[in-house]
Amino acid sequence: MELLDPTLIEEWLTPHSIEWYEQLGKLYGEYSYPWRSTVMEPNGESIFNKEVFLMIKDQKVLDVGCGHGEFTIQCSSHAKEIIGFDVTNDFIKSGSKNQKQNISFVVGNTKKGLPFEAGQFDCAYNRKGPTSAYPELKQVVKKGGKILGLHPGDEIGAELPILFPNLFKTISNGTPILDTLMRRLDTSMFERSEIQIIKSIEILHTPKDVFKLRCFGQKQSIFQYLMEENYTRVKQIFEQNATANGLPITFSRYVVRVTV
């Protein structure tokens, strides 16, 4: 039984496109993963989070690509002042519902620049936000300030198109995300920059989580349709390849460390 290609469904939106983010904001009001999984150590996201908490202590901070502001609000307990910036208006509305005095949110597109003064921030971080932010961040973070970035690795979920052909597709060959990051950093001409590759394993708990991962940000009707048509086959593949804890796939993150 051949698995369906969800990109052929009329209402499918390209993940991480502007339209996809707008739909995610309207449907759910937040950017959070709907599937259940366990990430083994080393976990690039938790490593990044800890470094951010240390960097922002008593600082004026910019969170670029802040999504619905959940992490921004966590960071407010450490920072002197923090501003969250994101392109999705519904995410910004969600974040702005918080009652903390040292947080504010601004909507905008990094490709059109950052609406802040030169050297306005002591430091900044980019937690799975746009790579286009880096040249702009150089302008708004003071000289000698730090910038941290977290981005998906090119090897993330590399097993999925092999295990579930058609349902998942190989995005591209090579390392396009890493290549783009390197170009952004080179163009920005920072005082110092590095990219660390942190690779581990993510274990999906159930076959249903495979569909939730694939349909992240899509309409519920697409998820339900794929479940109805392909659940039996996906469950079979899942069980053939799973351990006692679930289905292991590659979990990869790039951590960017910059001195302006």
C-alpha atoms as a PDB file:
ATOM      1  CA  MET A   1       0.000   0.000   0.000  1.00  0.00           C
ATOM      2  CA  GLU A   2       1.551   3.272  -1.154  1.00  0.00           C
ATOM      3  CA  LEU A   3       1.459   6.186   1.255  1.00  0.00           C
ATOM      4  CA  LEU A   4      -0.223   9.399   0.162  1.00  0.00           C
ATOM      5  CA  ASP A   5       1.770  12.509  -0.692  1.00  0.00           C
ATOM      6  CA  PRO A   6       0.186  15.243   1.489  1.00  0.00           C
ATOM      7  CA  THR A   7       1.705  18.047  -0.589  1.00  0.00           C
ATOM      8  CA  LEU A   8      -0.765  17.139  -3.346  1.00  0.00           C
ATOM      9  CA  ILE A   9      -3.726  17.995  -1.102  1.00  0.00           C
ATOM     10  CA  GLU A  10      -5.199  21.316  -2.227  1.00  0.00           C
ATOM     11  CA  GLU A  11      -5.109  23.002   1.202  1.00  0.00           C
ATOM     12  CA  TRP A  12      -1.548  21.937   2.028  1.00  0.00           C
ATOM     13  CA  LEU A  13       0.766  24.864   2.842  1.00  0.00           C
ATOM     14  CA  THR A  14       4.533  24.766   2.511  1.00  0.00           C
ATOM     15  CA  PRO A  15       5.934  24.478   6.056  1.00  0.00           C
ATOM     16  CA  HIS A  16       7.642  27.643   7.345  1.00  0.00           C
ATOM     17  CA  SER A  17       6.261  29.816   4.555  1.00  0.00           C
ATOM     18  CA  ILE A  18       4.656  33.128   5.569  1.00  0.00           C
ATOM     19  CA  GLU A  19       1.227  31.648   4.765  1.00  0.00           C
ATOM     20  CA  TRP A  20       1.982  28.589   6.920  1.00  0.00           C
ATOM     21  CA  TYR A  21       2.965  30.763   9.910  1.00  0.00           C
ATOM     22  CA  GLU A  22      -0.156  32.904   9.468  1.00  0.00           C
ATOM     23  CA  GLN A  23      -2.359  29.783   9.430  1.00  0.00           C
ATOM     24  CA  LEU A  24      -0.588  28.348  12.480  1.00  0.00           C
ATOM     25  CA  GLY A  25      -1.181  31.606  14.317  1.00  0.00           C
ATOM     26  CA  LYS A  26      -4.861  31.758  13.382  1.00  0.00           C
ATOM     27  CA  LEU A  27      -5.602  28.089  14.108  1.00  0.00           C
ATOM     28  CA  TYR A  28      -3.620  27.615  17.309  1.00  0.00           C
ATOM     29  CA  GLY A  29      -2.211  30.990  18.397  1.00  0.00           C
ATOM     30  CA  GLU A  30       1.140  29.434  19.238  1.00  0.00           C
ATOM     31  CA  TYR A  31       4.203  27.704  17.841  1.00  0.00           C
ATOM     32  CA  SER A  32       4.508  24.472  19.808  1.00  0.00           C
ATOM     33  CA  TYR A  33       5.063  20.908  18.652  1.00  0.00           C
ATOM     34  CA  PRO A  34       1.900  18.751  18.778  1.00  0.00           C
ATOM     35  CA  TRP A  35       3.617  15.354  18.645  1.00  0.00           C
ATOM     36  CA  ARG A  36       4.853  13.377  21.662  1.00  0.00           C
ATOM     37  CA  SER A  37       8.505  12.402  21.712  1.00  0.00           C
ATOM     38  CA  THR A  38      11.594  12.076  23.875  1.00  0.00           C
ATOM     39  CA  VAL A  39      14.874  13.737  22.882  1.00  0.00           C
ATOM     40  CA  MET A  40      18.019  12.011  24.081  1.00  0.00           C
ATOM     41  CA  GLU A  41      21.104  13.868  25.311  1.00  0.00           C
ATOM     42  CA  PRO A  42      22.836  15.899  24.081  1.00  0.00           C
ATOM     43  CA  ASN A  43      19.734  18.001  23.392  1.00  0.00           C
ATOM     44  CA  GLY A  44      20.683  21.066  21.349  1.00  0.00           C
ATOM     45  CA  GLU A  45      17.586  22.947  22.464  1.00  0.00           C
ATOM     46  CA  SER A  46      18.209  22.558  26.197  1.00  0.00           C
ATOM     47  CA  ILE A  47      21.894  23.428  25.735  1.00  0.00           C
ATOM     48  CA  PHE A  48      20.862  26.605  23.891  1.00  0.00           C
ATOM     49  CA  ASN A  49      18.259  27.529  26.516  1.00  0.00           C
ATOM     50  CA  LYS A  50      20.782  27.295  29.357  1.00  0.00           C
ATOM     51  CA  GLU A  51      23.273  29.469  27.481  1.00  0.00           C
ATOM     52  CA  VAL A  52      20.589  32.076  26.805  1.00  0.00           C
ATOM     53  CA  PHE A  53      19.578  32.262  30.471  1.00  0.00           C
ATOM     54  CA  LEU A  54      23.211  32.941  31.427  1.00  0.00           C
ATOM     55  CA  MET A  55      23.782  35.484  28.633  1.00  0.00           C
ATOM     56  CA  ILE A  56      20.713  37.641  29.291  1.00  0.00           C
ATOM     57  CA  LYS A  57      21.077  38.088  33.066  1.00  0.00           C
ATOM     58  CA  ASP A  58      20.255  41.754  33.876  1.00  0.00           C
ATOM     59  CA  GLN A  59      20.569  42.673  30.170  1.00  0.00           C
ATOM     60  CA  LYS A  60      18.397  44.470  27.635  1.00  0.00           C
ATOM     61  CA  VAL A  61      17.538  41.661  25.210  1.00  0.00           C
ATOM     62  CA  LEU A  62      15.995  41.140  21.762  1.00  0.00           C
ATOM     63  CA  ASP A  63      14.243  37.841  21.005  1.00  0.00           C
ATOM     64  CA  VAL A  64      13.999  37.693  17.215  1.00  0.00           C
ATOM     65  CA  GLY A  65      11.510  35.178  15.779  1.00  0.00           C
ATOM     66  CA  CYS A  66       9.850  34.900  19.194  1.00  0.00           C
ATOM     67  CA  GLY A  67       6.714  33.041  18.045  1.00  0.00           C
ATOM     68  CA  HIS A  68       3.930  33.250  20.614  1.00  0.00           C
ATOM     69  CA  GLY A  69       6.387  34.415  23.284  1.00  0.00           C
ATOM     70  CA  GLU A  70       6.488  31.392  25.601  1.00  0.00           C
ATOM     71  CA  PHE A  71      10.297  31.358  25.754  1.00  0.00           C
ATOM     72  CA  THR A  72      10.401  35.171  25.838  1.00  0.00           C
ATOM     73  CA  ILE A  73       8.303  35.113  28.993  1.00  0.00           C
ATOM     74  CA  GLN A  74      10.588  32.489  30.546  1.00  0.00           C
ATOM     75  CA  CYS A  75      13.584  34.699  29.758  1.00  0.00           C
ATOM     76  CA  SER A  76      11.964  37.741  31.369  1.00  0.00           C
ATOM     77  CA  SER A  77      12.755  36.253  34.775  1.00  0.00           C
ATOM     78  CA  HIS A  78      16.468  36.641  33.969  1.00  0.00           C
ATOM     79  CA  ALA A  79      16.599  39.760  31.761  1.00  0.00           C
ATOM     80  CA  LYS A  80      16.365  43.394  32.760  1.00  0.00           C
ATOM     81  CA  GLU A  81      14.158  44.081  29.733  1.00  0.00           C
ATOM     82  CA  ILE A  82      13.200  41.954  26.736  1.00  0.00           C
ATOM     83  CA  ILE A  83      11.467  42.628  23.429  1.00  0.00           C
ATOM     84  CA  GLY A  84       9.987  39.816  21.325  1.00  0.00           C
ATOM     85  CA  PHE A  85       9.904  40.331  17.540  1.00  0.00           C
ATOM     86  CA  ASP A  86       7.997  38.136  15.082  1.00  0.00           C
ATOM     87  CA  VAL A  87       6.369  38.295  11.647  1.00  0.00           C
ATOM     88  CA  THR A  88       3.132  36.543  12.694  1.00  0.00           C
ATOM     89  CA  ASN A  89       0.591  38.971  14.105  1.00  0.00           C
ATOM     90  CA  ASP A  90      -1.472  36.309  15.896  1.00  0.00           C
ATOM     91  CA  PHE A  91       1.651  35.071  17.706  1.00  0.00           C
ATOM     92  CA  ILE A  92       2.409  38.620  18.851  1.00  0.00           C
ATOM     93  CA  LYS A  93      -1.181  38.999  20.096  1.00  0.00           C
ATOM     94  CA  SER A  94      -0.781  35.827  22.169  1.00  0.00           C
ATOM     95  CA  GLY A  95       2.501  36.990  23.675  1.00  0.00           C
ATOM     96  CA  SER A  96       1.139  40.438  24.454  1.00  0.00           C
ATOM     97  CA  LYS A  97      -1.449  38.925  26.812  1.00  0.00           C
ATOM     98  CA  ASN A  98       1.265  38.467  29.451  1.00  0.00           C
ATOM     99  CA  GLN A  99       1.235  40.844  32.420  1.00  0.00           C
ATOM    100  CA  LYS A 100       4.988  41.208  33.008  1.00  0.00           C
ATOM    101  CA  GLN A 101       6.278  44.769  32.991  1.00  0.00           C
ATOM    102  CA  ASN A 102       9.699  44.081  31.463  1.00  0.00           C
ATOM    103  CA  ILE A 103       8.347  42.428  28.263  1.00  0.00           C
ATOM    104  CA  SER A 104       6.994  43.974  25.082  1.00  0.00           C
ATOM    105  CA  PHE A 105       6.288  42.526  21.638  1.00  0.00           C
ATOM    106  CA  VAL A 106       6.701  44.000  18.159  1.00  0.00           C
ATOM    107  CA  VAL A 107       5.449  42.583  14.858  1.00  0.00           C
ATOM    108  CA  GLY A 108       7.605  42.876  11.741  1.00  0.00           C
ATOM    109  CA  ASN A 109       9.651  41.082   9.074  1.00  0.00           C
ATOM    110  CA  THR A 110      13.435  40.803   9.432  1.00  0.00           C
ATOM    111  CA  LYS A 111      13.754  40.908   5.641  1.00  0.00           C
ATOM    112  CA  LYS A 112      12.529  44.506   5.886  1.00  0.00           C
ATOM    113  CA  GLY A 113      14.909  45.331   8.713  1.00  0.00           C
ATOM    114  CA  LEU A 114      14.592  45.630  12.486  1.00  0.00           C
ATOM    115  CA  PRO A 115      12.764  48.765  13.754  1.00  0.00           C
ATOM    116  CA  PHE A 116      15.228  49.479  16.563  1.00  0.00           C
ATOM    117  CA  GLU A 117      18.027  51.949  17.169  1.00  0.00           C
ATOM    118  CA  ALA A 118      21.686  51.102  16.590  1.00  0.00           C
ATOM    119  CA  GLY A 119      23.187  49.433  19.648  1.00  0.00           C
ATOM    120  CA  GLN A 120      19.830  49.404  21.468  1.00  0.00           C
ATOM    121  CA  PHE A 121      20.336  45.897  22.921  1.00  0.00           C
ATOM    122  CA  ASP A 122      23.033  44.396  25.123  1.00  0.00           C
ATOM    123  CA  CYS A 123      22.489  40.982  23.516  1.00  0.00           C
ATOM    124  CA  ALA A 124      20.024  38.998  21.398  1.00  0.00           C
ATOM    125  CA  TYR A 125      18.998  35.472  20.564  1.00  0.00           C
ATOM    126  CA  ASN A 126      17.388  33.793  17.588  1.00  0.00           C
ATOM    127  CA  ARG A 127      15.579  30.645  18.726  1.00  0.00           C
ATOM    128  CA  LYS A 128      14.534  28.902  15.496  1.00  0.00           C
ATOM    129  CA  GLY A 129      13.815  32.299  13.940  1.00  0.00           C
ATOM    130  CA  PRO A 130      14.798  33.579  10.483  1.00  0.00           C
ATOM    131  CA  THR A 131      18.439  33.380   9.384  1.00  0.00           C
ATOM    132  CA  SER A 132      17.880  36.710   7.610  1.00  0.00           C
ATOM    133  CA  ALA A 133      18.012  38.340  11.062  1.00  0.00           C
ATOM    134  CA  TYR A 134      21.781  38.069  11.538  1.00  0.00           C
ATOM    135  CA  PRO A 135      22.938  41.052   9.440  1.00  0.00           C
ATOM    136  CA  GLU A 136      20.216  43.159  11.075  1.00  0.00           C
ATOM    137  CA  LEU A 137      21.152  42.000  14.570  1.00  0.00           C
ATOM    138  CA  LYS A 138      24.660  43.342  14.091  1.00  0.00           C
ATOM    139  CA  GLN A 139      23.173  46.820  13.826  1.00  0.00           C
ATOM    140  CA  VAL A 140      20.928  46.722  16.895  1.00  0.00           C
ATOM    141  CA  VAL A 141      23.198  44.834  19.333  1.00  0.00           C
ATOM    142  CA  LYS A 142      25.957  46.951  20.846  1.00  0.00           C
ATOM    143  CA  LYS A 143      29.602  46.408  19.948  1.00  0.00           C
ATOM    144  CA  GLY A 144      30.986  43.471  21.915  1.00  0.00           C
ATOM    145  CA  GLY A 145      27.504  42.134  22.650  1.00  0.00           C
ATOM    146  CA  LYS A 146      26.602  38.487  22.268  1.00  0.00           C
ATOM    147  CA  ILE A 147      24.102  36.784  19.945  1.00  0.00           C
ATOM    148  CA  LEU A 148      22.986  33.161  20.269  1.00  0.00           C
ATOM    149  CA  GLY A 149      21.113  31.243  17.582  1.00  0.00           C
ATOM    150  CA  LEU A 150      19.341  27.882  17.385  1.00  0.00           C
ATOM    151  CA  HIS A 151      18.322  26.323  14.073  1.00  0.00           C
ATOM    152  CA  PRO A 152      17.234  22.873  12.825  1.00  0.00           C
ATOM    153  CA  GLY A 153      20.075  20.733  11.536  1.00  0.00           C
ATOM    154  CA  ASP A 154      20.098  19.482   7.960  1.00  0.00           C
ATOM    155  CA  GLU A 155      20.023  15.855   9.142  1.00  0.00           C
ATOM    156  CA  ILE A 156      16.881  16.243  11.251  1.00  0.00           C
ATOM    157  CA  GLY A 157      14.440  13.382  10.655  1.00  0.00           C
ATOM    158  CA  ALA A 158      16.590  12.014   7.834  1.00  0.00           C
ATOM    159  CA  GLU A 159      15.091   8.540   8.299  1.00  0.00           C
ATOM    160  CA  LEU A 160      11.486   9.635   7.738  1.00  0.00           C
ATOM    161  CA  PRO A 161      11.491   9.802   3.892  1.00  0.00           C
ATOM    162  CA  ILE A 162      13.158   6.368   3.830  1.00  0.00           C
ATOM    163  CA  LEU A 163      10.714   4.768   6.249  1.00  0.00           C
ATOM    164  CA  PHE A 164       7.606   6.565   4.973  1.00  0.00           C
ATOM    165  CA  PRO A 165       8.115   7.358   1.263  1.00  0.00           C
ATOM    166  CA  ASN A 166       5.658   9.867  -0.227  1.00  0.00           C
ATOM    167  CA  LEU A 167       4.345  10.810   3.207  1.00  0.00           C
ATOM    168  CA  PHE A 168       7.717  12.486   3.833  1.00  0.00           C
ATOM    169  CA  LYS A 169      10.029  13.812   1.152  1.00  0.00           C
ATOM    170  CA  THR A 170      13.760  14.431   1.202  1.00  0.00           C
ATOM    171  CA  ILE A 171      13.978  18.214   1.425  1.00  0.00           C
ATOM    172  CA  SER A 172      17.313  18.569  -0.381  1.00  0.00           C
ATOM    173  CA  ASN A 173      20.797  17.191  -0.735  1.00  0.00           C
ATOM    174  CA  GLY A 174      23.811  18.586   1.034  1.00  0.00           C
ATOM    175  CA  THR A 175      23.599  21.063   3.924  1.00  0.00           C
ATOM    176  CA  PRO A 176      21.470  24.012   2.718  1.00  0.00           C
ATOM    177  CA  ILE A 177      20.615  25.255   6.225  1.00  0.00           C
ATOM    178  CA  LEU A 178      24.248  25.208   7.346  1.00  0.00           C
ATOM    179  CA  ASP A 179      25.360  26.814   4.078  1.00  0.00           C
ATOM    180  CA  THR A 180      22.805  29.617   4.509  1.00  0.00           C
ATOM    181  CA  LEU A 181      23.876  30.216   8.112  1.00  0.00           C
ATOM    182  CA  MET A 182      27.526  30.440   7.075  1.00  0.00           C
ATOM    183  CA  ARG A 183      26.682  32.959   4.348  1.00  0.00           C
ATOM    184  CA  ARG A 184      24.634  35.074   6.767  1.00  0.00           C
ATOM    185  CA  LEU A 185      27.439  35.128   9.316  1.00  0.00           C
ATOM    186  CA  ASP A 186      30.105  35.888   6.694  1.00  0.00           C
ATOM    187  CA  THR A 187      28.017  38.736   5.277  1.00  0.00           C
ATOM    188  CA  SER A 188      27.438  40.178   8.738  1.00  0.00           C
ATOM    189  CA  MET A 189      31.192  40.400   9.442  1.00  0.00           C
ATOM    190  CA  PHE A 190      30.899  39.804  13.164  1.00  0.00           C
ATOM    191  CA  GLU A 191      33.929  40.105  15.412  1.00  0.00           C
ATOM    192  CA  ARG A 192      33.649  36.374  16.107  1.00  0.00           C
ATOM    193  CA  SER A 193      31.206  33.618  15.123  1.00  0.00           C
ATOM    194  CA  GLU A 194      30.935  29.854  15.347  1.00  0.00           C
ATOM    195  CA  ILE A 195      28.405  27.138  14.555  1.00  0.00           C
ATOM    196  CA  GLN A 196      28.209  23.972  16.636  1.00  0.00           C
ATOM    197  CA  ILE A 197      26.431  20.886  15.285  1.00  0.00           C
ATOM    198  CA  ILE A 198      24.633  18.998  18.062  1.00  0.00           C
ATOM    199  CA  LYS A 199      23.239  15.650  16.971  1.00  0.00           C
ATOM    200  CA  SER A 200      21.246  13.102  18.965  1.00  0.00           C
ATOM    201  CA  ILE A 201      18.110  10.942  18.768  1.00  0.00           C
ATOM    202  CA  GLU A 202      14.425  11.829  19.042  1.00  0.00           C
ATOM    203  CA  ILE A 203      12.054   8.962  19.839  1.00  0.00           C
ATOM    204  CA  LEU A 204       8.498   9.302  18.513  1.00  0.00           C
ATOM    205  CA  HIS A 205       6.135   7.602  20.939  1.00  0.00           C
ATOM    206  CA  THR A 206       3.324   6.324  18.682  1.00  0.00           C
ATOM    207  CA  PRO A 207       2.353   6.001  14.997  1.00  0.00           C
ATOM    208  CA  LYS A 208      -0.081   8.889  15.512  1.00  0.00           C
ATOM    209  CA  ASP A 209       2.875  11.116  16.373  1.00  0.00           C
ATOM    210  CA  VAL A 210       4.303  10.463  12.902  1.00  0.00           C
ATOM    211  CA  PHE A 211       1.185  12.093  11.416  1.00  0.00           C
ATOM    212  CA  LYS A 212       1.237  14.942  13.946  1.00  0.00           C
ATOM    213  CA  LEU A 213       4.835  15.712  13.032  1.00  0.00           C
ATOM    214  CA  ARG A 214       4.107  15.649   9.300  1.00  0.00           C
ATOM    215  CA  CYS A 215       0.944  17.759   9.638  1.00  0.00           C
ATOM    216  CA  PHE A 216       2.376  20.365  12.008  1.00  0.00           C
ATOM    217  CA  GLY A 217       0.796  23.713  11.126  1.00  0.00           C
ATOM    218  CA  GLN A 218      -1.677  22.234   8.636  1.00  0.00           C
ATOM    219  CA  LYS A 219      -5.467  22.163   8.931  1.00  0.00           C
ATOM    220  CA  GLN A 220      -6.943  19.415  11.072  1.00  0.00           C
ATOM    221  CA  SER A 221      -8.810  18.074   8.043  1.00  0.00           C
ATOM    222  CA  ILE A 222      -5.485  17.143   6.389  1.00  0.00           C
ATOM    223  CA  PHE A 223      -4.327  15.282   9.495  1.00  0.00           C
ATOM    224  CA  GLN A 224      -7.616  13.375   9.716  1.00  0.00           C
ATOM    225  CA  TYR A 225      -7.573  12.481   6.009  1.00  0.00           C
ATOM    226  CA  LEU A 226      -4.028  11.098   6.156  1.00  0.00           C
ATOM    227  CA  MET A 227      -4.837   9.160   9.314  1.00  0.00           C
ATOM    228  CA  GLU A 228      -7.891   7.572   7.687  1.00  0.00           C
ATOM    229  CA  GLU A 229      -6.028   6.638   4.505  1.00  0.00           C
ATOM    230  CA  ASN A 230      -2.601   5.609   5.791  1.00  0.00           C
ATOM    231  CA  TYR A 231      -2.731   4.781   9.506  1.00  0.00           C
ATOM    232  CA  THR A 232      -2.638   0.981   9.059  1.00  0.00           C
ATOM    233  CA  ARG A 233       0.474   1.106   6.849  1.00  0.00           C
ATOM    234  CA  VAL A 234       2.234   3.720   8.991  1.00  0.00           C
ATOM    235  CA  LYS A 235       1.526   1.670  12.123  1.00  0.00           C
ATOM    236  CA  GLN A 236       3.006  -1.399  10.447  1.00  0.00           C
ATOM    237  CA  ILE A 237       6.189   0.458   9.417  1.00  0.00           C
ATOM    238  CA  PHE A 238       6.432   2.060  12.848  1.00  0.00           C
ATOM    239  CA  GLU A 239       6.218  -1.249  14.687  1.00  0.00           C
ATOM    240  CA  GLN A 240       8.740  -2.901  12.363  1.00  0.00           C
ATOM    241  CA  ASN A 241      11.343  -0.212  13.110  1.00  0.00           C
ATOM    242  CA  ALA A 242      10.545   0.879  16.673  1.00  0.00           C
ATOM    243  CA  THR A 243      12.364   0.024  19.875  1.00  0.00           C
ATOM    244  CA  ALA A 244      10.506  -0.638  23.128  1.00  0.00           C
ATOM    245  CA  ASN A 245      10.302   3.145  23.654  1.00  0.00           C
ATOM    246  CA  GLY A 246       9.216   4.194  20.177  1.00  0.00           C
ATOM    247  CA  LEU A 247      10.610   5.107  16.749  1.00  0.00           C
ATOM    248  CA  PRO A 248      14.119   6.650  16.816  1.00  0.00           C
ATOM    249  CA  ILE A 249      14.932   9.389  14.302  1.00  0.00           C
ATOM    250  CA  THR A 250      17.810  11.856  14.015  1.00  0.00           C
ATOM    251  CA  PHE A 251      17.507  15.023  16.107  1.00  0.00           C
ATOM    252  CA  SER A 252      19.927  17.692  14.933  1.00  0.00           C
ATOM    253  CA  ARG A 253      20.411  21.353  15.835  1.00  0.00           C
ATOM    254  CA  TYR A 254      22.857  24.107  14.900  1.00  0.00           C
ATOM    255  CA  VAL A 255      23.855  26.396  17.775  1.00  0.00           C
ATOM    256  CA  VAL A 256      25.254  29.759  16.641  1.00  0.00           C
ATOM    257  CA  ARG A 257      27.478  31.833  18.951  1.00  0.00           C
ATOM    258  CA  VAL A 258      28.386  35.358  17.892  1.00  0.00           C
ATOM    259  CA  THR A 259      30.282  38.339  19.280  1.00  0.00           C
ATOM    260  CA  VAL A 260      29.281  41.601  17.564  1.00  0.00           C
END
